[in-house]
Amino acid sequence: MVSITHIETALAAVDAEVKALIYNQSLSQNEKDEKMLPLLRESKVLKQAHEDLCYLRDNPPSSQSGCKAGRYRKE
């Protein structure tokens, strides 16, 4: 799945940004915290998406009829 590699790339980029913030000596701890919080939230979402996609890749749905959500959609 191509999306898994994109998520892995995004995770690596977020991790690099977090490390750069941690090692930046010119910022105060409060500034680091303010800048790091959105990055850590993004990392958490990306990790969950990666975990979900890996699970689906390893355990594909058994139903061959496809998605059933369309049956309930009102046009």
Protein backbone atom coordinates (compact mmCIF):
# COMPACT_ATOMS: atom_id res chain seq x y z
CA MET A 1 0.00 0.00 0.00
CA VAL A 2 1.41 3.31 -1.07
CA SER A 3 -0.38 5.18 1.72
CA ILE A 4 1.63 3.30 4.35
CA THR A 5 4.90 4.57 2.89
CA HIS A 6 3.52 8.11 2.79
CA ILE A 7 2.52 7.88 6.44
CA GLU A 8 5.95 6.50 7.36
CA THR A 9 7.58 9.41 5.55
CA ALA A 10 5.33 11.89 7.35
CA LEU A 11 6.12 10.26 10.71
CA ALA A 12 9.84 10.56 10.03
CA ALA A 13 9.42 14.24 9.13
CA VAL A 14 7.42 14.96 12.30
CA ASP A 15 9.99 13.13 14.41
CA ALA A 16 12.77 15.17 12.84
CA GLU A 17 10.91 18.40 13.63
CA VAL A 18 10.40 17.32 17.25
CA LYS A 19 14.09 16.46 17.62
CA ALA A 20 15.07 19.80 16.11
CA LEU A 21 12.86 21.58 18.65
CA ILE A 22 14.28 19.58 21.53
CA TYR A 23 17.87 20.41 20.60
CA ASN A 24 17.17 24.07 19.85
CA GLN A 25 18.86 25.97 22.68
CA SER A 26 17.53 29.39 21.67
CA LEU A 27 13.94 28.55 22.62
CA SER A 28 12.59 28.56 26.15
CA GLN A 29 10.86 25.47 27.51
CA ASN A 30 7.43 27.14 27.16
CA GLU A 31 8.09 27.97 23.50
CA LYS A 32 9.21 24.41 22.85
CA ASP A 33 6.07 23.06 24.53
CA GLU A 34 3.80 25.32 22.48
CA LYS A 35 5.44 24.31 19.22
CA MET A 36 5.74 20.63 20.09
CA LEU A 37 2.17 19.96 21.20
CA PRO A 38 0.61 20.14 17.69
CA LEU A 39 3.47 18.03 16.32
CA LEU A 40 2.96 15.36 18.95
CA ARG A 41 -0.78 15.30 18.25
CA GLU A 42 -0.07 14.91 14.55
CA SER A 43 2.38 12.12 15.32
CA LYS A 44 -0.21 10.32 17.42
CA VAL A 45 -2.79 10.46 14.61
CA LEU A 46 -0.24 9.30 12.04
CA LYS A 47 0.84 6.38 14.23
CA GLN A 48 -2.77 5.29 14.69
CA ALA A 49 -3.46 5.54 10.95
CA HIS A 50 -0.29 3.54 10.23
CA GLU A 51 -1.30 0.88 12.72
CA ASP A 52 -4.82 0.67 11.23
CA LEU A 53 -3.56 0.41 7.65
CA CYS A 54 -1.01 -2.25 8.57
CA TYR A 55 -3.76 -4.24 10.29
CA LEU A 56 -6.00 -3.97 7.21
CA ARG A 57 -3.12 -4.96 4.95
CA ASP A 58 -2.39 -8.03 7.06
CA ASN A 59 -6.06 -8.87 7.73
CA PRO A 60 -8.15 -7.89 4.70
CA PRO A 61 -11.94 -7.84 5.10
CA SER A 62 -13.51 -11.19 4.35
CA SER A 63 -16.59 -9.75 2.62
CA GLN A 64 -16.24 -9.70 -1.15
CA SER A 65 -19.34 -7.58 -1.64
CA GLY A 66 -17.46 -4.37 -0.94
CA CYS A 67 -18.51 -1.46 1.20
CA LYS A 68 -22.10 -1.52 2.32
CA ALA A 69 -22.28 2.13 3.35
CA GLY A 70 -23.54 3.08 -0.10
CA ARG A 71 -26.75 1.16 0.43
CA TYR A 72 -27.84 3.53 3.15
CA ARG A 73 -26.85 6.76 1.44
CA LYS A 74 -29.66 9.01 0.30
CA GLU A 75 -29.01 10.52 -3.10
